[in-house]
Amino acid sequence: MADLTVDVEQILARLGDVPEVTFVADARVACSGSGGALGHPKVYYTIGDEGYAECGYCDRVFIYAPDRA
């Protein structure tokens, strides 16, 4: 994963309007929504060659960008 180069601006332009973007330094991420009663079940995603993963419940986007994490 360390050799993955991601163009953050290109990813954001491709995805359009997303509710939340989180920059991460690991290829494996977890999402449980906002937490508490407003959250959702904890789910795990692996960031692949495209450089991002999008939560299927809350649409939060995780972008692999270690320098911005």
PDB file of N, CA and C in Angstrom:
ATOM      1  N   MET A   1       0.821  -1.191   0.000  1.00  0.00           N
ATOM      2  CA  MET A   1       0.000   0.000   0.000  1.00  0.00           C
ATOM      3  C   MET A   1       0.861   1.249   0.000  1.00  0.00           C
ATOM      4  N   ALA A   2       2.066   1.172   0.489  1.00  0.00           N
ATOM      5  CA  ALA A   2       2.930   2.345   0.585  1.00  0.00           C
ATOM      6  C   ALA A   2       3.261   2.925  -0.782  1.00  0.00           C
ATOM      7  N   ASP A   3       3.185   2.119  -1.840  1.00  0.00           N
ATOM      8  CA  ASP A   3       3.530   2.612  -3.166  1.00  0.00           C
ATOM      9  C   ASP A   3       2.324   3.156  -3.932  1.00  0.00           C
ATOM     10  N   LEU A   4       1.155   3.228  -3.290  1.00  0.00           N
ATOM     11  CA  LEU A   4      -0.035   3.767  -3.927  1.00  0.00           C
ATOM     12  C   LEU A   4       0.041   5.288  -3.943  1.00  0.00           C
ATOM     13  N   THR A   5      -0.092   5.878  -5.116  1.00  0.00           N
ATOM     14  CA  THR A   5      -0.133   7.326  -5.252  1.00  0.00           C
ATOM     15  C   THR A   5      -1.562   7.729  -5.546  1.00  0.00           C
ATOM     16  N   VAL A   6      -2.088   8.620  -4.730  1.00  0.00           N
ATOM     17  CA  VAL A   6      -3.481   9.011  -4.829  1.00  0.00           C
ATOM     18  C   VAL A   6      -3.576  10.500  -5.145  1.00  0.00           C
ATOM     19  N   ASP A   7      -4.405  10.850  -6.125  1.00  0.00           N
ATOM     20  CA  ASP A   7      -4.694  12.248  -6.438  1.00  0.00           C
ATOM     21  C   ASP A   7      -6.003  12.589  -5.727  1.00  0.00           C
ATOM     22  N   VAL A   8      -5.885  13.194  -4.554  1.00  0.00           N
ATOM     23  CA  VAL A   8      -7.044  13.469  -3.710  1.00  0.00           C
ATOM     24  C   VAL A   8      -8.064  14.334  -4.437  1.00  0.00           C
ATOM     25  N   GLU A   9      -7.612  15.379  -5.095  1.00  0.00           N
ATOM     26  CA  GLU A   9      -8.534  16.279  -5.782  1.00  0.00           C
ATOM     27  C   GLU A   9      -9.307  15.556  -6.893  1.00  0.00           C
ATOM     28  N   GLN A  10      -8.647  14.648  -7.592  1.00  0.00           N
ATOM     29  CA  GLN A  10      -9.309  13.890  -8.651  1.00  0.00           C
ATOM     30  C   GLN A  10     -10.384  12.967  -8.063  1.00  0.00           C
ATOM     31  N   ILE A  11     -10.073  12.335  -6.942  1.00  0.00           N
ATOM     32  CA  ILE A  11     -11.044  11.461  -6.278  1.00  0.00           C
ATOM     33  C   ILE A  11     -12.259  12.267  -5.841  1.00  0.00           C
ATOM     34  N   LEU A  12     -12.028  13.414  -5.218  1.00  0.00           N
ATOM     35  CA  LEU A  12     -13.134  14.243  -4.745  1.00  0.00           C
ATOM     36  C   LEU A  12     -13.987  14.745  -5.912  1.00  0.00           C
ATOM     37  N   ALA A  13     -13.355  15.096  -7.013  1.00  0.00           N
ATOM     38  CA  ALA A  13     -14.105  15.553  -8.193  1.00  0.00           C
ATOM     39  C   ALA A  13     -14.953  14.423  -8.762  1.00  0.00           C
ATOM     40  N   ARG A  14     -14.414  13.208  -8.766  1.00  0.00           N
ATOM     41  CA  ARG A  14     -15.136  12.046  -9.295  1.00  0.00           C
ATOM     42  C   ARG A  14     -16.341  11.688  -8.426  1.00  0.00           C
ATOM     43  N   LEU A  15     -16.181  11.807  -7.106  1.00  0.00           N
ATOM     44  CA  LEU A  15     -17.248  11.413  -6.194  1.00  0.00           C
ATOM     45  C   LEU A  15     -18.338  12.470  -6.054  1.00  0.00           C
ATOM     46  N   GLY A  16     -18.007  13.725  -6.310  1.00  0.00           N
ATOM     47  CA  GLY A  16     -18.997  14.787  -6.153  1.00  0.00           C
ATOM     48  C   GLY A  16     -19.203  15.135  -4.693  1.00  0.00           C
ATOM     49  N   ASP A  17     -20.428  15.452  -4.349  1.00  0.00           N
ATOM     50  CA  ASP A  17     -20.755  15.892  -2.992  1.00  0.00           C
ATOM     51  C   ASP A  17     -20.898  14.684  -2.067  1.00  0.00           C
ATOM     52  N   VAL A  18     -20.021  14.588  -1.094  1.00  0.00           N
ATOM     53  CA  VAL A  18     -20.085  13.511  -0.103  1.00  0.00           C
ATOM     54  C   VAL A  18     -20.237  14.135   1.280  1.00  0.00           C
ATOM     55  N   PRO A  19     -20.938  13.448   2.196  1.00  0.00           N
ATOM     56  CA  PRO A  19     -21.200  14.043   3.505  1.00  0.00           C
ATOM     57  C   PRO A  19     -19.959  14.226   4.371  1.00  0.00           C
ATOM     58  N   GLU A  20     -18.978  13.340   4.234  1.00  0.00           N
ATOM     59  CA  GLU A  20     -17.785  13.438   5.072  1.00  0.00           C
ATOM     60  C   GLU A  20     -16.626  12.718   4.403  1.00  0.00           C
ATOM     61  N   VAL A  21     -15.449  13.327   4.486  1.00  0.00           N
ATOM     62  CA  VAL A  21     -14.223  12.725   3.959  1.00  0.00           C
ATOM     63  C   VAL A  21     -13.251  12.559   5.118  1.00  0.00           C
ATOM     64  N   THR A  22     -12.667  11.365   5.218  1.00  0.00           N
ATOM     65  CA  THR A  22     -11.662  11.082   6.229  1.00  0.00           C
ATOM     66  C   THR A  22     -10.399  10.608   5.530  1.00  0.00           C
ATOM     67  N   PHE A  23      -9.290  11.265   5.822  1.00  0.00           N
ATOM     68  CA  PHE A  23      -7.999  10.856   5.256  1.00  0.00           C
ATOM     69  C   PHE A  23      -7.365   9.860   6.209  1.00  0.00           C
ATOM     70  N   VAL A  24      -6.857   8.756   5.655  1.00  0.00           N
ATOM     71  CA  VAL A  24      -6.304   7.682   6.478  1.00  0.00           C
ATOM     72  C   VAL A  24      -4.918   7.277   5.996  1.00  0.00           C
ATOM     73  N   ALA A  25      -4.168   6.654   6.881  1.00  0.00           N
ATOM     74  CA  ALA A  25      -2.816   6.199   6.564  1.00  0.00           C
ATOM     75  C   ALA A  25      -2.737   4.678   6.463  1.00  0.00           C
ATOM     76  N   ASP A  26      -3.861   4.001   6.689  1.00  0.00           N
ATOM     77  CA  ASP A  26      -3.901   2.541   6.614  1.00  0.00           C
ATOM     78  C   ASP A  26      -4.875   2.105   5.536  1.00  0.00           C
ATOM     79  N   ALA A  27      -4.613   0.959   4.951  1.00  0.00           N
ATOM     80  CA  ALA A  27      -5.473   0.451   3.881  1.00  0.00           C
ATOM     81  C   ALA A  27      -6.749  -0.183   4.422  1.00  0.00           C
ATOM     82  N   ARG A  28      -6.783  -0.509   5.692  1.00  0.00           N
ATOM     83  CA  ARG A  28      -7.958  -1.127   6.311  1.00  0.00           C
ATOM     84  C   ARG A  28      -8.602  -0.098   7.225  1.00  0.00           C
ATOM     85  N   VAL A  29      -9.893   0.193   7.006  1.00  0.00           N
ATOM     86  CA  VAL A  29     -10.594   1.196   7.800  1.00  0.00           C
ATOM     87  C   VAL A  29     -11.889   0.614   8.339  1.00  0.00           C
ATOM     88  N   ALA A  30     -12.393   1.238   9.397  1.00  0.00           N
ATOM     89  CA  ALA A  30     -13.667   0.836   9.987  1.00  0.00           C
ATOM     90  C   ALA A  30     -14.558   2.057  10.097  1.00  0.00           C
ATOM     91  N   CYS A  31     -15.869   1.842   9.955  1.00  0.00           N
ATOM     92  CA  CYS A  31     -16.828   2.932  10.073  1.00  0.00           C
ATOM     93  C   CYS A  31     -18.003   2.451  10.909  1.00  0.00           C
ATOM     94  N   SER A  32     -18.432   3.291  11.846  1.00  0.00           N
ATOM     95  CA  SER A  32     -19.633   2.996  12.623  1.00  0.00           C
ATOM     96  C   SER A  32     -20.548   4.216  12.657  1.00  0.00           C
ATOM     97  N   GLY A  33     -20.463   5.040  11.634  1.00  0.00           N
ATOM     98  CA  GLY A  33     -21.322   6.216  11.543  1.00  0.00           C
ATOM     99  C   GLY A  33     -20.919   7.270  12.545  1.00  0.00           C
ATOM    100  N   SER A  34     -21.901   8.002  13.022  1.00  0.00           N
ATOM    101  CA  SER A  34     -21.648   9.078  13.976  1.00  0.00           C
ATOM    102  C   SER A  34     -21.521   8.572  15.398  1.00  0.00           C
ATOM    103  N   GLY A  35     -21.780   7.312  15.582  1.00  0.00           N
ATOM    104  CA  GLY A  35     -21.717   6.736  16.921  1.00  0.00           C
ATOM    105  C   GLY A  35     -23.038   6.911  17.662  1.00  0.00           C
ATOM    106  N   GLY A  36     -23.162   6.236  18.768  1.00  0.00           N
ATOM    107  CA  GLY A  36     -24.374   6.332  19.562  1.00  0.00           C
ATOM    108  C   GLY A  36     -25.611   5.885  18.796  1.00  0.00           C
ATOM    109  N   ALA A  37     -26.735   6.505  19.116  1.00  0.00           N
ATOM    110  CA  ALA A  37     -28.003   6.140  18.489  1.00  0.00           C
ATOM    111  C   ALA A  37     -28.054   6.516  17.011  1.00  0.00           C
ATOM    112  N   LEU A  38     -27.205   7.447  16.578  1.00  0.00           N
ATOM    113  CA  LEU A  38     -27.211   7.894  15.186  1.00  0.00           C
ATOM    114  C   LEU A  38     -26.251   7.109  14.299  1.00  0.00           C
ATOM    115  N   GLY A  39     -25.560   6.150  14.891  1.00  0.00           N
ATOM    116  CA  GLY A  39     -24.577   5.390  14.130  1.00  0.00           C
ATOM    117  C   GLY A  39     -25.193   4.234  13.365  1.00  0.00           C
ATOM    118  N   HIS A  40     -24.320   3.324  12.939  1.00  0.00           N
ATOM    119  CA  HIS A  40     -24.747   2.110  12.251  1.00  0.00           C
ATOM    120  C   HIS A  40     -23.807   0.996  12.674  1.00  0.00           C
ATOM    121  N   PRO A  41     -24.085  -0.238  12.302  1.00  0.00           N
ATOM    122  CA  PRO A  41     -23.182  -1.328  12.681  1.00  0.00           C
ATOM    123  C   PRO A  41     -21.764  -1.049  12.174  1.00  0.00           C
ATOM    124  N   LYS A  42     -20.783  -1.443  12.948  1.00  0.00           N
ATOM    125  CA  LYS A  42     -19.387  -1.253  12.527  1.00  0.00           C
ATOM    126  C   LYS A  42     -19.088  -2.145  11.335  1.00  0.00           C
ATOM    127  N   VAL A  43     -18.574  -1.520  10.289  1.00  0.00           N
ATOM    128  CA  VAL A  43     -18.212  -2.237   9.070  1.00  0.00           C
ATOM    129  C   VAL A  43     -16.768  -1.911   8.717  1.00  0.00           C
ATOM    130  N   TYR A  44     -16.109  -2.847   8.050  1.00  0.00           N
ATOM    131  CA  TYR A  44     -14.706  -2.682   7.674  1.00  0.00           C
ATOM    132  C   TYR A  44     -14.575  -2.644   6.160  1.00  0.00           C
ATOM    133  N   TYR A  45     -13.654  -1.818   5.695  1.00  0.00           N
ATOM    134  CA  TYR A  45     -13.392  -1.693   4.265  1.00  0.00           C
ATOM    135  C   TYR A  45     -11.893  -1.738   4.027  1.00  0.00           C
ATOM    136  N   THR A  46     -11.507  -2.221   2.856  1.00  0.00           N
ATOM    137  CA  THR A  46     -10.117  -2.205   2.429  1.00  0.00           C
ATOM    138  C   THR A  46     -10.000  -1.245   1.256  1.00  0.00           C
ATOM    139  N   ILE A  47      -9.068  -0.320   1.367  1.00  0.00           N
ATOM    140  CA  ILE A  47      -8.830   0.637   0.295  1.00  0.00           C
ATOM    141  C   ILE A  47      -7.980  -0.043  -0.762  1.00  0.00           C
ATOM    142  N   GLY A  48      -8.506  -0.110  -1.964  1.00  0.00           N
ATOM    143  CA  GLY A  48      -7.818  -0.782  -3.057  1.00  0.00           C
ATOM    144  C   GLY A  48      -7.052   0.180  -3.945  1.00  0.00           C
ATOM    145  N   ASP A  49      -6.826  -0.226  -5.167  1.00  0.00           N
ATOM    146  CA  ASP A  49      -6.037   0.553  -6.120  1.00  0.00           C
ATOM    147  C   ASP A  49      -6.647   1.906  -6.461  1.00  0.00           C
ATOM    148  N   GLU A  50      -7.956   2.045  -6.290  1.00  0.00           N
ATOM    149  CA  GLU A  50      -8.601   3.320  -6.605  1.00  0.00           C
ATOM    150  C   GLU A  50      -8.270   4.401  -5.578  1.00  0.00           C
ATOM    151  N   GLY A  51      -7.763   3.999  -4.392  1.00  0.00           N
ATOM    152  CA  GLY A  51      -7.297   4.957  -3.397  1.00  0.00           C
ATOM    153  C   GLY A  51      -8.329   5.413  -2.388  1.00  0.00           C
ATOM    154  N   TYR A  52      -9.537   4.860  -2.459  1.00  0.00           N
ATOM    155  CA  TYR A  52     -10.552   5.261  -1.490  1.00  0.00           C
ATOM    156  C   TYR A  52     -11.553   4.128  -1.269  1.00  0.00           C
ATOM    157  N   ALA A  53     -12.314   4.263  -0.186  1.00  0.00           N
ATOM    158  CA  ALA A  53     -13.415   3.353   0.113  1.00  0.00           C
ATOM    159  C   ALA A  53     -14.579   4.207   0.594  1.00  0.00           C
ATOM    160  N   GLU A  54     -15.792   3.792   0.245  1.00  0.00           N
ATOM    161  CA  GLU A  54     -16.980   4.548   0.633  1.00  0.00           C
ATOM    162  C   GLU A  54     -17.889   3.662   1.471  1.00  0.00           C
ATOM    163  N   CYS A  55     -18.319   4.181   2.619  1.00  0.00           N
ATOM    164  CA  CYS A  55     -19.191   3.421   3.507  1.00  0.00           C
ATOM    165  C   CYS A  55     -20.554   3.230   2.857  1.00  0.00           C
ATOM    166  N   GLY A  56     -21.033   2.019   2.850  1.00  0.00           N
ATOM    167  CA  GLY A  56     -22.320   1.699   2.267  1.00  0.00           C
ATOM    168  C   GLY A  56     -23.503   2.159   3.111  1.00  0.00           C
ATOM    169  N   TYR A  57     -23.268   2.486   4.386  1.00  0.00           N
ATOM    170  CA  TYR A  57     -24.348   2.952   5.253  1.00  0.00           C
ATOM    171  C   TYR A  57     -24.479   4.475   5.247  1.00  0.00           C
ATOM    172  N   CYS A  58     -23.379   5.174   5.519  1.00  0.00           N
ATOM    173  CA  CYS A  58     -23.459   6.628   5.726  1.00  0.00           C
ATOM    174  C   CYS A  58     -22.774   7.436   4.629  1.00  0.00           C
ATOM    175  N   ASP A  59     -22.198   6.777   3.647  1.00  0.00           N
ATOM    176  CA  ASP A  59     -21.534   7.427   2.516  1.00  0.00           C
ATOM    177  C   ASP A  59     -20.253   8.180   2.877  1.00  0.00           C
ATOM    178  N   ARG A  60     -19.738   7.980   4.073  1.00  0.00           N
ATOM    179  CA  ARG A  60     -18.446   8.571   4.436  1.00  0.00           C
ATOM    180  C   ARG A  60     -17.390   7.992   3.513  1.00  0.00           C
ATOM    181  N   VAL A  61     -16.475   8.831   3.065  1.00  0.00           N
ATOM    182  CA  VAL A  61     -15.420   8.405   2.153  1.00  0.00           C
ATOM    183  C   VAL A  61     -14.087   8.411   2.896  1.00  0.00           C
ATOM    184  N   PHE A  62     -13.363   7.329   2.786  1.00  0.00           N
ATOM    185  CA  PHE A  62     -12.027   7.202   3.366  1.00  0.00           C
ATOM    186  C   PHE A  62     -11.024   7.249   2.219  1.00  0.00           C
ATOM    187  N   ILE A  63     -10.123   8.232   2.244  1.00  0.00           N
ATOM    188  CA  ILE A  63      -9.135   8.386   1.200  1.00  0.00           C
ATOM    189  C   ILE A  63      -7.755   8.097   1.762  1.00  0.00           C
ATOM    190  N   TYR A  64      -7.019   7.233   1.064  1.00  0.00           N
ATOM    191  CA  TYR A  64      -5.662   6.893   1.490  1.00  0.00           C
ATOM    192  C   TYR A  64      -4.743   8.061   1.168  1.00  0.00           C
ATOM    193  N   ALA A  65      -4.370   8.816   2.204  1.00  0.00           N
ATOM    194  CA  ALA A  65      -3.478   9.970   2.059  1.00  0.00           C
ATOM    195  C   ALA A  65      -2.695  10.130   3.356  1.00  0.00           C
ATOM    196  N   PRO A  66      -1.637   9.335   3.537  1.00  0.00           N
ATOM    197  CA  PRO A  66      -0.906   9.342   4.808  1.00  0.00           C
ATOM    198  C   PRO A  66      -0.400  10.728   5.214  1.00  0.00           C
ATOM    199  N   ASP A  67      -0.057  11.558   4.225  1.00  0.00           N
ATOM    200  CA  ASP A  67       0.443  12.887   4.558  1.00  0.00           C
ATOM    201  C   ASP A  67      -0.641  13.816   5.078  1.00  0.00           C
ATOM    202  N   ARG A  68      -1.913  13.474   4.896  1.00  0.00           N
ATOM    203  CA  ARG A  68      -3.027  14.296   5.368  1.00  0.00           C
ATOM    204  C   ARG A  68      -3.802  13.647   6.505  1.00  0.00           C
ATOM    205  N   ALA A  69      -3.422  12.419   6.845  1.00  0.00           N
ATOM    206  CA  ALA A  69      -4.152  11.679   7.891  1.00  0.00           C
ATOM    207  C   ALA A  69      -3.887  12.261   9.280  1.00  0.00           C
TER     208      ALA A  69
END
